[in-house]
Amino acid sequence: MAKRNKLEIIRDILRIIQKNHPIKPTPLLRMSNISSSRFKGYYSELLEKEFVKETYGKNKKITLTEKGYRYLEKYSAIINFIDEFEL
């Protein structure tokens, strides 16, 4: 199995959040299948770029923002384009 690149890891993290909306940080870390130090870097970037947001109640939960949903849509469109033209 090939290593995932940065865009694929971001897509995978956002998909996990989308499917388990909202999700706590620890299950997200486990499901993302990357080390905790790498996860922290990606997660910080996603927060900084406003792809995800944290909500607080009894526990901290993570949800996608509109920008996060748009990323998933655009990523899918690009992959479909590449597949269609066999690039």
N, C-alpha and C. Protein backbone atom coordinates (compact mmCIF):
# COMPACT_ATOMS: atom_id res chain seq x y z
N MET A 1 0.84 -1.18 0.00
CA MET A 1 0.00 0.00 0.00
C MET A 1 0.88 1.25 0.00
N ALA A 2 0.59 2.17 -0.86
CA ALA A 2 1.38 3.39 -0.98
C ALA A 2 1.11 4.33 0.19
N LYS A 3 2.11 5.13 0.52
CA LYS A 3 1.95 6.13 1.56
C LYS A 3 0.98 7.20 1.10
N ARG A 4 0.22 7.73 2.03
CA ARG A 4 -0.70 8.82 1.71
C ARG A 4 0.07 10.13 1.69
N ASN A 5 -0.29 10.99 0.75
CA ASN A 5 0.32 12.32 0.75
C ASN A 5 -0.50 13.26 1.63
N LYS A 6 -0.05 14.48 1.77
CA LYS A 6 -0.68 15.44 2.67
C LYS A 6 -2.15 15.65 2.33
N LEU A 7 -2.46 15.83 1.05
CA LEU A 7 -3.84 16.08 0.65
C LEU A 7 -4.74 14.89 0.97
N GLU A 8 -4.22 13.68 0.82
CA GLU A 8 -4.99 12.48 1.12
C GLU A 8 -5.24 12.34 2.62
N ILE A 9 -4.24 12.68 3.42
CA ILE A 9 -4.41 12.60 4.87
C ILE A 9 -5.44 13.62 5.33
N ILE A 10 -5.38 14.83 4.79
CA ILE A 10 -6.37 15.85 5.13
C ILE A 10 -7.76 15.37 4.72
N ARG A 11 -7.88 14.83 3.51
CA ARG A 11 -9.17 14.30 3.05
C ARG A 11 -9.67 13.23 4.00
N ASP A 12 -8.79 12.31 4.40
CA ASP A 12 -9.20 11.22 5.28
C ASP A 12 -9.67 11.74 6.64
N ILE A 13 -8.97 12.70 7.20
CA ILE A 13 -9.37 13.28 8.49
C ILE A 13 -10.73 13.95 8.35
N LEU A 14 -10.91 14.73 7.29
CA LEU A 14 -12.19 15.42 7.09
C LEU A 14 -13.33 14.43 6.85
N ARG A 15 -13.07 13.35 6.14
CA ARG A 15 -14.11 12.32 5.92
C ARG A 15 -14.50 11.65 7.22
N ILE A 16 -13.53 11.38 8.06
CA ILE A 16 -13.83 10.77 9.36
C ILE A 16 -14.73 11.68 10.17
N ILE A 17 -14.42 12.97 10.17
CA ILE A 17 -15.25 13.93 10.90
C ILE A 17 -16.65 13.97 10.29
N GLN A 18 -16.71 13.98 8.97
CA GLN A 18 -18.00 14.03 8.28
C GLN A 18 -18.87 12.81 8.63
N LYS A 19 -18.28 11.64 8.64
CA LYS A 19 -19.03 10.40 8.89
C LYS A 19 -19.40 10.24 10.36
N ASN A 20 -18.65 10.83 11.27
CA ASN A 20 -18.86 10.67 12.71
C ASN A 20 -19.20 12.00 13.37
N HIS A 21 -19.88 12.83 12.68
CA HIS A 21 -20.16 14.21 13.05
C HIS A 21 -21.06 14.31 14.26
N PRO A 22 -20.74 15.00 15.33
CA PRO A 22 -19.42 15.48 15.71
C PRO A 22 -18.61 14.34 16.34
N ILE A 23 -17.32 14.54 16.43
CA ILE A 23 -16.44 13.49 16.95
C ILE A 23 -15.49 14.08 18.00
N LYS A 24 -15.16 13.26 18.97
CA LYS A 24 -14.19 13.66 19.99
C LYS A 24 -12.79 13.52 19.41
N PRO A 25 -11.83 14.28 19.95
CA PRO A 25 -10.46 14.24 19.42
C PRO A 25 -9.78 12.87 19.47
N THR A 26 -9.93 12.12 20.55
CA THR A 26 -9.22 10.84 20.67
C THR A 26 -9.69 9.81 19.63
N PRO A 27 -10.99 9.62 19.43
CA PRO A 27 -11.40 8.69 18.37
C PRO A 27 -10.95 9.15 16.99
N LEU A 28 -10.94 10.46 16.77
CA LEU A 28 -10.47 10.99 15.49
C LEU A 28 -9.01 10.63 15.27
N LEU A 29 -8.20 10.81 16.30
CA LEU A 29 -6.78 10.44 16.22
C LEU A 29 -6.62 8.97 15.88
N ARG A 30 -7.35 8.12 16.56
CA ARG A 30 -7.24 6.67 16.32
C ARG A 30 -7.64 6.30 14.90
N MET A 31 -8.75 6.87 14.44
CA MET A 31 -9.28 6.52 13.12
C MET A 31 -8.43 7.09 11.98
N SER A 32 -7.68 8.15 12.26
CA SER A 32 -6.88 8.78 11.20
C SER A 32 -5.65 7.95 10.82
N ASN A 33 -5.26 7.03 11.70
CA ASN A 33 -4.17 6.10 11.41
C ASN A 33 -2.83 6.80 11.12
N ILE A 34 -2.54 7.83 11.90
CA ILE A 34 -1.22 8.48 11.86
C ILE A 34 -0.76 8.69 13.29
N SER A 35 0.51 8.96 13.46
CA SER A 35 1.05 9.16 14.80
C SER A 35 0.43 10.40 15.44
N SER A 36 0.46 10.43 16.76
CA SER A 36 -0.14 11.57 17.46
C SER A 36 0.58 12.87 17.14
N SER A 37 1.90 12.83 16.96
CA SER A 37 2.63 14.07 16.64
C SER A 37 2.26 14.58 15.25
N ARG A 38 2.15 13.68 14.28
CA ARG A 38 1.73 14.09 12.93
C ARG A 38 0.29 14.58 12.95
N PHE A 39 -0.56 13.88 13.71
CA PHE A 39 -1.96 14.27 13.81
C PHE A 39 -2.08 15.70 14.35
N LYS A 40 -1.32 16.00 15.39
CA LYS A 40 -1.37 17.35 15.99
C LYS A 40 -1.05 18.42 14.96
N GLY A 41 -0.06 18.15 14.12
CA GLY A 41 0.30 19.11 13.07
C GLY A 41 -0.81 19.31 12.06
N TYR A 42 -1.37 18.21 11.58
CA TYR A 42 -2.48 18.31 10.63
C TYR A 42 -3.70 18.97 11.27
N TYR A 43 -4.01 18.58 12.49
CA TYR A 43 -5.18 19.12 13.18
C TYR A 43 -5.02 20.63 13.40
N SER A 44 -3.85 21.05 13.81
CA SER A 44 -3.60 22.49 13.99
C SER A 44 -3.80 23.24 12.69
N GLU A 45 -3.31 22.67 11.60
CA GLU A 45 -3.47 23.31 10.29
C GLU A 45 -4.94 23.38 9.89
N LEU A 46 -5.69 22.32 10.14
CA LEU A 46 -7.12 22.33 9.80
C LEU A 46 -7.88 23.37 10.62
N LEU A 47 -7.52 23.53 11.88
CA LEU A 47 -8.14 24.57 12.71
C LEU A 47 -7.76 25.96 12.21
N GLU A 48 -6.48 26.14 11.95
CA GLU A 48 -5.96 27.44 11.50
C GLU A 48 -6.61 27.87 10.19
N LYS A 49 -6.79 26.93 9.28
CA LYS A 49 -7.37 27.24 7.97
C LYS A 49 -8.90 27.18 7.98
N GLU A 50 -9.46 26.93 9.16
CA GLU A 50 -10.91 26.92 9.38
C GLU A 50 -11.65 25.85 8.57
N PHE A 51 -11.04 24.67 8.44
CA PHE A 51 -11.71 23.53 7.82
C PHE A 51 -12.55 22.80 8.87
N VAL A 52 -12.13 22.91 10.13
CA VAL A 52 -12.84 22.29 11.25
C VAL A 52 -12.97 23.31 12.36
N LYS A 53 -13.91 23.02 13.27
CA LYS A 53 -14.04 23.87 14.45
C LYS A 53 -14.31 22.98 15.65
N GLU A 54 -13.96 23.51 16.80
CA GLU A 54 -14.19 22.80 18.05
C GLU A 54 -15.42 23.37 18.73
N THR A 55 -16.24 22.48 19.26
CA THR A 55 -17.39 22.91 20.04
C THR A 55 -17.22 22.33 21.44
N TYR A 56 -17.67 23.09 22.41
CA TYR A 56 -17.50 22.67 23.79
C TYR A 56 -18.85 22.56 24.46
N GLY A 57 -19.05 21.47 25.12
CA GLY A 57 -20.22 21.22 25.95
C GLY A 57 -19.68 20.45 27.12
N LYS A 58 -20.21 19.26 27.30
CA LYS A 58 -19.65 18.37 28.32
C LYS A 58 -18.24 17.95 27.92
N ASN A 59 -18.04 17.71 26.63
CA ASN A 59 -16.73 17.32 26.08
C ASN A 59 -16.43 18.15 24.85
N LYS A 60 -15.15 18.20 24.51
CA LYS A 60 -14.77 18.87 23.26
C LYS A 60 -15.13 17.98 22.09
N LYS A 61 -15.77 18.56 21.09
CA LYS A 61 -16.13 17.82 19.88
C LYS A 61 -15.65 18.61 18.67
N ILE A 62 -15.41 17.88 17.59
CA ILE A 62 -14.89 18.49 16.37
C ILE A 62 -15.94 18.33 15.28
N THR A 63 -16.18 19.41 14.55
CA THR A 63 -17.13 19.39 13.44
C THR A 63 -16.49 20.05 12.22
N LEU A 64 -17.04 19.75 11.07
CA LEU A 64 -16.58 20.37 9.83
C LEU A 64 -17.22 21.74 9.68
N THR A 65 -16.50 22.63 9.07
CA THR A 65 -17.06 23.92 8.69
C THR A 65 -17.48 23.84 7.23
N GLU A 66 -18.11 24.88 6.74
CA GLU A 66 -18.49 24.92 5.33
C GLU A 66 -17.25 24.76 4.45
N LYS A 67 -16.16 25.36 4.86
CA LYS A 67 -14.91 25.26 4.10
C LYS A 67 -14.40 23.82 4.04
N GLY A 68 -14.57 23.08 5.12
CA GLY A 68 -14.19 21.68 5.15
C GLY A 68 -15.02 20.84 4.20
N TYR A 69 -16.33 21.11 4.17
CA TYR A 69 -17.20 20.41 3.23
C TYR A 69 -16.82 20.74 1.78
N ARG A 70 -16.50 21.99 1.51
CA ARG A 70 -16.10 22.39 0.15
C ARG A 70 -14.82 21.69 -0.26
N TYR A 71 -13.87 21.55 0.67
CA TYR A 71 -12.62 20.85 0.37
C TYR A 71 -12.92 19.43 -0.09
N LEU A 72 -13.79 18.73 0.62
CA LEU A 72 -14.13 17.36 0.25
C LEU A 72 -14.79 17.30 -1.13
N GLU A 73 -15.66 18.25 -1.43
CA GLU A 73 -16.31 18.30 -2.74
C GLU A 73 -15.29 18.54 -3.85
N LYS A 74 -14.43 19.52 -3.67
CA LYS A 74 -13.42 19.86 -4.69
C LYS A 74 -12.42 18.72 -4.86
N TYR A 75 -12.01 18.11 -3.77
CA TYR A 75 -11.06 16.99 -3.85
C TYR A 75 -11.67 15.86 -4.67
N SER A 76 -12.92 15.56 -4.41
CA SER A 76 -13.61 14.51 -5.15
C SER A 76 -13.70 14.84 -6.64
N ALA A 77 -14.00 16.10 -6.96
CA ALA A 77 -14.09 16.52 -8.36
C ALA A 77 -12.75 16.36 -9.06
N ILE A 78 -11.68 16.73 -8.39
CA ILE A 78 -10.34 16.63 -8.99
C ILE A 78 -9.97 15.16 -9.23
N ILE A 79 -10.24 14.30 -8.26
CA ILE A 79 -9.93 12.87 -8.40
C ILE A 79 -10.76 12.27 -9.53
N ASN A 80 -12.03 12.63 -9.62
CA ASN A 80 -12.88 12.13 -10.71
C ASN A 80 -12.35 12.58 -12.07
N PHE A 81 -11.88 13.81 -12.16
CA PHE A 81 -11.31 14.34 -13.39
C PHE A 81 -10.07 13.53 -13.79
N ILE A 82 -9.19 13.31 -12.83
CA ILE A 82 -7.96 12.54 -13.08
C ILE A 82 -8.29 11.12 -13.54
N ASP A 83 -9.25 10.50 -12.87
CA ASP A 83 -9.65 9.13 -13.23
C ASP A 83 -10.30 9.08 -14.62
N GLU A 84 -11.15 10.06 -14.90
CA GLU A 84 -11.85 10.09 -16.18
C GLU A 84 -10.89 10.16 -17.36
N PHE A 85 -9.84 10.95 -17.21
CA PHE A 85 -8.89 11.13 -18.30
C PHE A 85 -7.65 10.25 -18.15
N GLU A 86 -7.70 9.35 -17.18
CA GLU A 86 -6.63 8.40 -16.94
C GLU A 86 -5.26 9.05 -16.83
N LEU A 87 -5.23 10.12 -16.04
CA LEU A 87 -3.98 10.86 -15.84
C LEU A 87 -3.19 10.30 -14.68
